[in-house]
Every structure is written in C-alpha cells, then in structure tokens.
PDB file of all heavy atoms in Angstrom:
ATOM      1  N   ALA A   1      11.134   3.987 -13.397  1.00  0.00           N
ATOM      2  CA  ALA A   1      10.258   5.029 -13.215  1.00  0.00           C
ATOM      3  C   ALA A   1      10.605   5.982 -12.071  1.00  0.00           C
ATOM      4  O   ALA A   1      10.542   7.136 -12.133  1.00  0.00           O
ATOM      5  CB  ALA A   1       8.827   4.483 -13.037  1.00  0.00           C
ATOM      6  N   VAL A   2      11.037   5.307 -10.953  1.00  0.00           N
ATOM      7  CA  VAL A   2      11.353   6.109  -9.809  1.00  0.00           C
ATOM      8  C   VAL A   2      12.761   6.770 -10.036  1.00  0.00           C
ATOM      9  O   VAL A   2      12.922   7.897  -9.587  1.00  0.00           O
ATOM     10  CB  VAL A   2      11.382   5.216  -8.498  1.00  0.00           C
ATOM     11  CG1 VAL A   2      11.918   5.883  -7.346  1.00  0.00           C
ATOM     12  CG2 VAL A   2      10.015   4.716  -8.199  1.00  0.00           C
ATOM     13  N   LEU A   3      13.615   6.017 -10.712  1.00  0.00           N
ATOM     14  CA  LEU A   3      14.958   6.561 -10.948  1.00  0.00           C
ATOM     15  C   LEU A   3      14.909   7.812 -11.869  1.00  0.00           C
ATOM     16  O   LEU A   3      15.693   8.712 -11.676  1.00  0.00           O
ATOM     17  CB  LEU A   3      15.831   5.447 -11.661  1.00  0.00           C
ATOM     18  CG  LEU A   3      17.351   5.730 -11.691  1.00  0.00           C
ATOM     19  CD1 LEU A   3      17.939   5.924 -10.255  1.00  0.00           C
ATOM     20  CD2 LEU A   3      18.002   4.536 -12.341  1.00  0.00           C
ATOM     21  N   GLY A   4      14.008   7.810 -12.845  1.00  0.00           N
ATOM     22  CA  GLY A   4      13.898   8.963 -13.676  1.00  0.00           C
ATOM     23  C   GLY A   4      14.721   8.994 -14.841  1.00  0.00           C
ATOM     24  O   GLY A   4      14.912   9.966 -15.517  1.00  0.00           O
ATOM     25  N   ARG A   5      15.443   7.879 -15.085  1.00  0.00           N
ATOM     26  CA  ARG A   5      16.413   7.878 -16.237  1.00  0.00           C
ATOM     27  C   ARG A   5      16.649   6.360 -16.565  1.00  0.00           C
ATOM     28  O   ARG A   5      16.239   5.540 -15.815  1.00  0.00           O
ATOM     29  CB  ARG A   5      17.792   8.465 -15.861  1.00  0.00           C
ATOM     30  CG  ARG A   5      18.523   7.837 -14.718  1.00  0.00           C
ATOM     31  CD  ARG A   5      19.842   8.413 -14.482  1.00  0.00           C
ATOM     32  NE  ARG A   5      20.522   7.899 -13.234  1.00  0.00           N
ATOM     33  CZ  ARG A   5      21.098   6.710 -13.073  1.00  0.00           C
ATOM     34  NH1 ARG A   5      21.115   5.937 -14.151  1.00  0.00           N
ATOM     35  NH2 ARG A   5      21.613   6.357 -11.977  1.00  0.00           N
ATOM     36  N   PRO A   6      17.222   6.092 -17.779  1.00  0.00           N
ATOM     37  CA  PRO A   6      17.388   4.668 -18.079  1.00  0.00           C
ATOM     38  C   PRO A   6      18.331   4.022 -17.049  1.00  0.00           C
ATOM     39  O   PRO A   6      19.211   4.581 -16.582  1.00  0.00           O
ATOM     40  CB  PRO A   6      18.036   4.693 -19.448  1.00  0.00           C
ATOM     41  CG  PRO A   6      17.688   6.124 -20.005  1.00  0.00           C
ATOM     42  CD  PRO A   6      17.622   7.009 -18.785  1.00  0.00           C
ATOM     43  N   VAL A   7      18.146   2.729 -16.920  1.00  0.00           N
ATOM     44  CA  VAL A   7      18.896   1.917 -16.019  1.00  0.00           C
ATOM     45  C   VAL A   7      20.077   1.354 -16.780  1.00  0.00           C
ATOM     46  O   VAL A   7      19.982   0.861 -17.900  1.00  0.00           O
ATOM     47  CB  VAL A   7      17.978   0.781 -15.385  1.00  0.00           C
ATOM     48  CG1 VAL A   7      18.865  -0.046 -14.428  1.00  0.00           C
ATOM     49  CG2 VAL A   7      16.769   1.268 -14.750  1.00  0.00           C
ATOM     50  N   LEU A   8      21.276   1.542 -16.171  1.00  0.00           N
ATOM     51  CA  LEU A   8      22.477   0.939 -16.756  1.00  0.00           C
ATOM     52  C   LEU A   8      22.329  -0.599 -17.013  1.00  0.00           C
ATOM     53  O   LEU A   8      21.784  -1.278 -16.256  1.00  0.00           O
ATOM     54  CB  LEU A   8      23.677   1.136 -15.906  1.00  0.00           C
ATOM     55  CG  LEU A   8      24.043   2.570 -15.661  1.00  0.00           C
ATOM     56  CD1 LEU A   8      25.183   2.747 -14.618  1.00  0.00           C
ATOM     57  CD2 LEU A   8      24.427   3.358 -16.886  1.00  0.00           C
ATOM     58  N   ASN A   9      22.977  -1.114 -18.093  1.00  0.00           N
ATOM     59  CA  ASN A   9      22.779  -2.536 -18.506  1.00  0.00           C
ATOM     60  C   ASN A   9      23.199  -3.438 -17.447  1.00  0.00           C
ATOM     61  O   ASN A   9      22.558  -4.481 -17.216  1.00  0.00           O
ATOM     62  CB  ASN A   9      23.462  -2.733 -19.771  1.00  0.00           C
ATOM     63  CG  ASN A   9      22.864  -2.196 -20.994  1.00  0.00           C
ATOM     64  OD1 ASN A   9      21.637  -1.880 -20.963  1.00  0.00           O
ATOM     65  ND2 ASN A   9      23.591  -1.976 -21.995  1.00  0.00           N
ATOM     66  N   GLY A  10      24.331  -3.203 -16.700  1.00  0.00           N
ATOM     67  CA  GLY A  10      24.734  -4.157 -15.640  1.00  0.00           C
ATOM     68  C   GLY A  10      23.763  -4.158 -14.517  1.00  0.00           C
ATOM     69  O   GLY A  10      23.499  -5.189 -14.000  1.00  0.00           O
ATOM     70  N   THR A  11      23.223  -2.990 -14.064  1.00  0.00           N
ATOM     71  CA  THR A  11      22.272  -2.888 -13.064  1.00  0.00           C
ATOM     72  C   THR A  11      20.995  -3.499 -13.369  1.00  0.00           C
ATOM     73  O   THR A  11      20.376  -4.354 -12.609  1.00  0.00           O
ATOM     74  CB  THR A  11      22.044  -1.496 -12.682  1.00  0.00           C
ATOM     75  OG1 THR A  11      23.263  -0.844 -12.286  1.00  0.00           O
ATOM     76  CG2 THR A  11      21.032  -1.264 -11.537  1.00  0.00           C
ATOM     77  N   LYS A  12      20.594  -3.325 -14.709  1.00  0.00           N
ATOM     78  CA  LYS A  12      19.357  -3.933 -15.165  1.00  0.00           C
ATOM     79  C   LYS A  12      19.500  -5.541 -15.144  1.00  0.00           C
ATOM     80  O   LYS A  12      18.526  -6.189 -14.662  1.00  0.00           O
ATOM     81  CB  LYS A  12      19.090  -3.496 -16.607  1.00  0.00           C
ATOM     82  CG  LYS A  12      17.807  -4.099 -17.121  1.00  0.00           C
ATOM     83  CD  LYS A  12      17.584  -3.544 -18.634  1.00  0.00           C
ATOM     84  CE  LYS A  12      16.340  -4.143 -19.187  1.00  0.00           C
ATOM     85  NZ  LYS A  12      16.080  -3.661 -20.543  1.00  0.00           N
ATOM     86  N   ALA A  13      20.583  -6.075 -15.621  1.00  0.00           N
ATOM     87  CA  ALA A  13      20.758  -7.460 -15.621  1.00  0.00           C
ATOM     88  C   ALA A  13      20.718  -8.055 -14.215  1.00  0.00           C
ATOM     89  O   ALA A  13      20.191  -9.108 -13.960  1.00  0.00           O
ATOM     90  CB  ALA A  13      22.107  -7.790 -16.323  1.00  0.00           C
ATOM     91  N   LYS A  14      21.426  -7.374 -13.320  1.00  0.00           N
ATOM     92  CA  LYS A  14      21.544  -7.828 -11.875  1.00  0.00           C
ATOM     93  C   LYS A  14      20.179  -7.821 -11.236  1.00  0.00           C
ATOM     94  O   LYS A  14      19.761  -8.780 -10.638  1.00  0.00           O
ATOM     95  CB  LYS A  14      22.503  -6.960 -11.135  1.00  0.00           C
ATOM     96  CG  LYS A  14      22.642  -7.223  -9.651  1.00  0.00           C
ATOM     97  CD  LYS A  14      23.497  -6.246  -9.012  1.00  0.00           C
ATOM     98  CE  LYS A  14      23.511  -6.510  -7.458  1.00  0.00           C
ATOM     99  NZ  LYS A  14      24.385  -5.513  -6.798  1.00  0.00           N
ATOM    100  N   LEU A  15      19.447  -6.718 -11.441  1.00  0.00           N
ATOM    101  CA  LEU A  15      18.073  -6.656 -10.827  1.00  0.00           C
ATOM    102  C   LEU A  15      17.121  -7.697 -11.487  1.00  0.00           C
ATOM    103  O   LEU A  15      16.343  -8.295 -10.699  1.00  0.00           O
ATOM    104  CB  LEU A  15      17.518  -5.284 -11.017  1.00  0.00           C
ATOM    105  CG  LEU A  15      18.159  -4.117 -10.092  1.00  0.00           C
ATOM    106  CD1 LEU A  15      17.636  -2.802 -10.458  1.00  0.00           C
ATOM    107  CD2 LEU A  15      17.884  -4.422  -8.596  1.00  0.00           C
ATOM    108  N   GLU A  16      17.230  -7.834 -12.743  1.00  0.00           N
ATOM    109  CA  GLU A  16      16.297  -8.864 -13.347  1.00  0.00           C
ATOM    110  C   GLU A  16      16.594 -10.240 -12.883  1.00  0.00           C
ATOM    111  O   GLU A  16      15.650 -10.945 -12.632  1.00  0.00           O
ATOM    112  CB  GLU A  16      16.490  -8.784 -14.907  1.00  0.00           C
ATOM    113  CG  GLU A  16      15.815  -7.547 -15.415  1.00  0.00           C
ATOM    114  CD  GLU A  16      16.003  -7.418 -16.998  1.00  0.00           C
ATOM    115  OE1 GLU A  16      16.933  -8.005 -17.560  1.00  0.00           O
ATOM    116  OE2 GLU A  16      15.251  -6.626 -17.645  1.00  0.00           O
ATOM    117  N   LYS A  17      17.892 -10.608 -12.722  1.00  0.00           N
ATOM    118  CA  LYS A  17      18.293 -11.913 -12.210  1.00  0.00           C
ATOM    119  C   LYS A  17      17.791 -12.066 -10.783  1.00  0.00           C
ATOM    120  O   LYS A  17      17.178 -13.106 -10.469  1.00  0.00           O
ATOM    121  CB  LYS A  17      19.708 -12.097 -12.286  1.00  0.00           C
ATOM    122  CG  LYS A  17      20.261 -13.450 -11.788  1.00  0.00           C
ATOM    123  CD  LYS A  17      21.737 -13.485 -11.898  1.00  0.00           C
ATOM    124  CE  LYS A  17      22.107 -14.913 -11.357  1.00  0.00           C
ATOM    125  NZ  LYS A  17      23.372 -14.986 -10.708  1.00  0.00           N
ATOM    126  N   GLN A  18      17.928 -11.084 -10.003  1.00  0.00           N
ATOM    127  CA  GLN A  18      17.482 -11.182  -8.572  1.00  0.00           C
ATOM    128  C   GLN A  18      15.961 -11.272  -8.561  1.00  0.00           C
ATOM    129  O   GLN A  18      15.434 -11.995  -7.662  1.00  0.00           O
ATOM    130  CB  GLN A  18      18.018 -10.028  -7.782  1.00  0.00           C
ATOM    131  CG  GLN A  18      19.542 -10.010  -7.508  1.00  0.00           C
ATOM    132  CD  GLN A  18      20.003  -8.865  -6.856  1.00  0.00           C
ATOM    133  OE1 GLN A  18      19.417  -7.762  -6.802  1.00  0.00           O
ATOM    134  NE2 GLN A  18      21.200  -9.046  -6.124  1.00  0.00           N
ATOM    135  N   ALA A  19      15.267 -10.528  -9.375  1.00  0.00           N
ATOM    136  CA  ALA A  19      13.823 -10.517  -9.354  1.00  0.00           C
ATOM    137  C   ALA A  19      13.253 -11.886  -9.706  1.00  0.00           C
ATOM    138  O   ALA A  19      12.419 -12.433  -9.090  1.00  0.00           O
ATOM    139  CB  ALA A  19      13.275  -9.491 -10.259  1.00  0.00           C
ATOM    140  N   VAL A  20      13.924 -12.411 -10.746  1.00  0.00           N
ATOM    141  CA  VAL A  20      13.509 -13.874 -11.146  1.00  0.00           C
ATOM    142  C   VAL A  20      13.664 -14.857  -9.967  1.00  0.00           C
ATOM    143  O   VAL A  20      12.816 -15.677  -9.658  1.00  0.00           O
ATOM    144  CB  VAL A  20      14.293 -14.377 -12.435  1.00  0.00           C
ATOM    145  CG1 VAL A  20      14.117 -15.735 -12.651  1.00  0.00           C
ATOM    146  CG2 VAL A  20      13.854 -13.485 -13.610  1.00  0.00           C
ATOM    147  N   GLU A  21      14.787 -14.737  -9.269  1.00  0.00           N
ATOM    148  CA  GLU A  21      15.165 -15.702  -8.199  1.00  0.00           C
ATOM    149  C   GLU A  21      14.084 -15.432  -7.065  1.00  0.00           C
ATOM    150  O   GLU A  21      13.566 -16.420  -6.463  1.00  0.00           O
ATOM    151  CB  GLU A  21      16.515 -15.462  -7.683  1.00  0.00           C
ATOM    152  CG  GLU A  21      17.536 -15.918  -8.682  1.00  0.00           C
ATOM    153  CD  GLU A  21      19.019 -15.568  -8.252  1.00  0.00           C
ATOM    154  OE1 GLU A  21      19.167 -14.837  -7.255  1.00  0.00           O
ATOM    155  OE2 GLU A  21      19.927 -15.953  -9.050  1.00  0.00           O
ATOM    156  N   LEU A  22      13.824 -14.227  -6.719  1.00  0.00           N
ATOM    157  CA  LEU A  22      12.844 -13.906  -5.649  1.00  0.00           C
ATOM    158  C   LEU A  22      11.438 -14.262  -5.946  1.00  0.00           C
ATOM    159  O   LEU A  22      10.691 -14.763  -5.134  1.00  0.00           O
ATOM    160  CB  LEU A  22      12.979 -12.397  -5.211  1.00  0.00           C
ATOM    161  CG  LEU A  22      14.429 -12.118  -4.643  1.00  0.00           C
ATOM    162  CD1 LEU A  22      14.516 -10.482  -4.557  1.00  0.00           C
ATOM    163  CD2 LEU A  22      14.512 -12.620  -3.221  1.00  0.00           C
ATOM    164  N   LEU A  23      11.083 -14.101  -7.165  1.00  0.00           N
ATOM    165  CA  LEU A  23       9.760 -14.506  -7.709  1.00  0.00           C
ATOM    166  C   LEU A  23       9.661 -15.988  -7.631  1.00  0.00           C
ATOM    167  O   LEU A  23       8.630 -16.577  -7.270  1.00  0.00           O
ATOM    168  CB  LEU A  23       9.408 -14.043  -9.044  1.00  0.00           C
ATOM    169  CG  LEU A  23       9.152 -12.501  -9.222  1.00  0.00           C
ATOM    170  CD1 LEU A  23       9.194 -12.026 -10.637  1.00  0.00           C
ATOM    171  CD2 LEU A  23       7.848 -12.197  -8.480  1.00  0.00           C
ATOM    172  N   ALA A  24      10.760 -16.724  -7.980  1.00  0.00           N
ATOM    173  CA  ALA A  24      10.769 -18.214  -7.893  1.00  0.00           C
ATOM    174  C   ALA A  24      10.601 -18.673  -6.453  1.00  0.00           C
ATOM    175  O   ALA A  24      10.032 -19.786  -6.263  1.00  0.00           O
ATOM    176  CB  ALA A  24      12.011 -18.747  -8.566  1.00  0.00           C
ATOM    177  N   GLN A  25      11.123 -17.905  -5.481  1.00  0.00           N
ATOM    178  CA  GLN A  25      10.886 -18.200  -4.166  1.00  0.00           C
ATOM    179  C   GLN A  25       9.473 -17.994  -3.685  1.00  0.00           C
ATOM    180  O   GLN A  25       9.114 -18.401  -2.606  1.00  0.00           O
ATOM    181  CB  GLN A  25      11.933 -17.508  -3.264  1.00  0.00           C
ATOM    182  CG  GLN A  25      13.333 -17.856  -3.408  1.00  0.00           C
ATOM    183  CD  GLN A  25      14.297 -16.983  -2.622  1.00  0.00           C
ATOM    184  OE1 GLN A  25      13.774 -16.336  -1.672  1.00  0.00           O
ATOM    185  NE2 GLN A  25      15.515 -16.968  -2.970  1.00  0.00           N
ATOM    186  N   GLY A  26       8.744 -17.335  -4.469  1.00  0.00           N
ATOM    187  CA  GLY A  26       7.323 -17.052  -4.169  1.00  0.00           C
ATOM    188  C   GLY A  26       7.003 -15.672  -3.684  1.00  0.00           C
ATOM    189  O   GLY A  26       5.860 -15.533  -3.266  1.00  0.00           O
ATOM    190  N   LEU A  27       7.956 -14.791  -3.571  1.00  0.00           N
ATOM    191  CA  LEU A  27       7.621 -13.495  -3.094  1.00  0.00           C
ATOM    192  C   LEU A  27       6.723 -12.753  -4.077  1.00  0.00           C
ATOM    193  O   LEU A  27       6.841 -12.873  -5.303  1.00  0.00           O
ATOM    194  CB  LEU A  27       8.913 -12.649  -2.922  1.00  0.00           C
ATOM    195  CG  LEU A  27       9.768 -13.151  -1.730  1.00  0.00           C
ATOM    196  CD1 LEU A  27      11.125 -12.401  -1.737  1.00  0.00           C
ATOM    197  CD2 LEU A  27       9.020 -12.874  -0.412  1.00  0.00           C
ATOM    198  N   PRO A  28       5.612 -12.073  -3.563  1.00  0.00           N
ATOM    199  CA  PRO A  28       4.640 -11.372  -4.393  1.00  0.00           C
ATOM    200  C   PRO A  28       5.343 -10.346  -5.293  1.00  0.00           C
ATOM    201  O   PRO A  28       6.201  -9.552  -4.791  1.00  0.00           O
ATOM    202  CB  PRO A  28       3.740 -10.824  -3.502  1.00  0.00           C
ATOM    203  CG  PRO A  28       3.941 -11.413  -2.174  1.00  0.00           C
ATOM    204  CD  PRO A  28       5.426 -11.947  -2.123  1.00  0.00           C
ATOM    205  N   GLU A  29       4.952 -10.305  -6.541  1.00  0.00           N
ATOM    206  CA  GLU A  29       5.485  -9.305  -7.399  1.00  0.00           C
ATOM    207  C   GLU A  29       5.239  -7.906  -6.993  1.00  0.00           C
ATOM    208  O   GLU A  29       6.148  -7.017  -7.033  1.00  0.00           O
ATOM    209  CB  GLU A  29       4.857  -9.485  -8.863  1.00  0.00           C
ATOM    210  CG  GLU A  29       5.418  -8.536  -9.896  1.00  0.00           C
ATOM    211  CD  GLU A  29       4.786  -8.750 -11.265  1.00  0.00           C
ATOM    212  OE1 GLU A  29       4.114  -9.762 -11.478  1.00  0.00           O
ATOM    213  OE2 GLU A  29       4.964  -7.829 -12.072  1.00  0.00           O
ATOM    214  N   ALA A  30       4.068  -7.620  -6.454  1.00  0.00           N
ATOM    215  CA  ALA A  30       3.752  -6.224  -5.985  1.00  0.00           C
ATOM    216  C   ALA A  30       4.716  -5.838  -4.757  1.00  0.00           C
ATOM    217  O   ALA A  30       5.112  -4.761  -4.692  1.00  0.00           O
ATOM    218  CB  ALA A  30       2.282  -6.173  -5.522  1.00  0.00           C
ATOM    219  N   TRP A  31       4.927  -6.827  -3.910  1.00  0.00           N
ATOM    220  CA  TRP A  31       5.858  -6.562  -2.773  1.00  0.00           C
ATOM    221  C   TRP A  31       7.204  -6.228  -3.271  1.00  0.00           C
ATOM    222  O   TRP A  31       7.930  -5.312  -2.726  1.00  0.00           O
ATOM    223  CB  TRP A  31       5.808  -7.843  -1.786  1.00  0.00           C
ATOM    224  CG  TRP A  31       6.459  -7.591  -0.499  1.00  0.00           C
ATOM    225  CD1 TRP A  31       6.028  -7.033   0.649  1.00  0.00           C
ATOM    226  CD2 TRP A  31       7.851  -7.968  -0.222  1.00  0.00           C
ATOM    227  NE1 TRP A  31       6.929  -7.101   1.599  1.00  0.00           N
ATOM    228  CE2 TRP A  31       8.159  -7.559   1.153  1.00  0.00           C
ATOM    229  CE3 TRP A  31       8.909  -8.431  -0.922  1.00  0.00           C
ATOM    230  CZ2 TRP A  31       9.347  -7.743   1.757  1.00  0.00           C
ATOM    231  CZ3 TRP A  31      10.150  -8.680  -0.329  1.00  0.00           C
ATOM    232  CH2 TRP A  31      10.362  -8.335   0.956  1.00  0.00           C
ATOM    233  N   LEU A  32       7.635  -6.970  -4.215  1.00  0.00           N
ATOM    234  CA  LEU A  32       9.019  -6.763  -4.833  1.00  0.00           C
ATOM    235  C   LEU A  32       9.028  -5.354  -5.513  1.00  0.00           C
ATOM    236  O   LEU A  32      10.067  -4.678  -5.362  1.00  0.00           O
ATOM    237  CB  LEU A  32       9.475  -7.896  -5.707  1.00  0.00           C
ATOM    238  CG  LEU A  32       9.787  -9.199  -5.056  1.00  0.00           C
ATOM    239  CD1 LEU A  32       9.956 -10.265  -6.147  1.00  0.00           C
ATOM    240  CD2 LEU A  32      11.027  -9.068  -4.222  1.00  0.00           C
ATOM    241  N   CYS A  33       8.040  -5.078  -6.184  1.00  0.00           N
ATOM    242  CA  CYS A  33       8.005  -3.711  -6.829  1.00  0.00           C
ATOM    243  C   CYS A  33       8.053  -2.680  -5.872  1.00  0.00           C
ATOM    244  O   CYS A  33       8.772  -1.599  -6.113  1.00  0.00           O
ATOM    245  CB  CYS A  33       6.701  -3.575  -7.778  1.00  0.00           C
ATOM    246  SG  CYS A  33       6.795  -4.518  -9.269  1.00  0.00           S
ATOM    247  N   ASP A  34       7.451  -2.735  -4.689  1.00  0.00           N
ATOM    248  CA  ASP A  34       7.513  -1.745  -3.625  1.00  0.00           C
ATOM    249  C   ASP A  34       8.899  -1.681  -3.087  1.00  0.00           C
ATOM    250  O   ASP A  34       9.425  -0.515  -2.841  1.00  0.00           O
ATOM    251  CB  ASP A  34       6.497  -2.114  -2.494  1.00  0.00           C
ATOM    252  CG  ASP A  34       5.081  -1.884  -2.877  1.00  0.00           C
ATOM    253  OD1 ASP A  34       4.784  -1.131  -3.917  1.00  0.00           O
ATOM    254  OD2 ASP A  34       4.236  -2.410  -2.170  1.00  0.00           O
TER     255      ASP A  34
END
C-alpha cells in the first residue's frame, strides 16, 4: 500500500518469512506493520 505498486516476488517472500519469524518472537503485528 505504501509502495504504491506490486511487490516483487523475491522481496515478498523475504518480507513474509521475516514477518513470520518476528511474529513468532512475539512482536505485535501492528508494531511490525508500522
């Protein structure tokens, strides 16, 4: 949404993997979205 264009597949996969790991560590979803 902030980027204003589709996210490249490699970037998308990397961010999703990191988000899953950070959420598993217990970081709040809203904080990560910010």
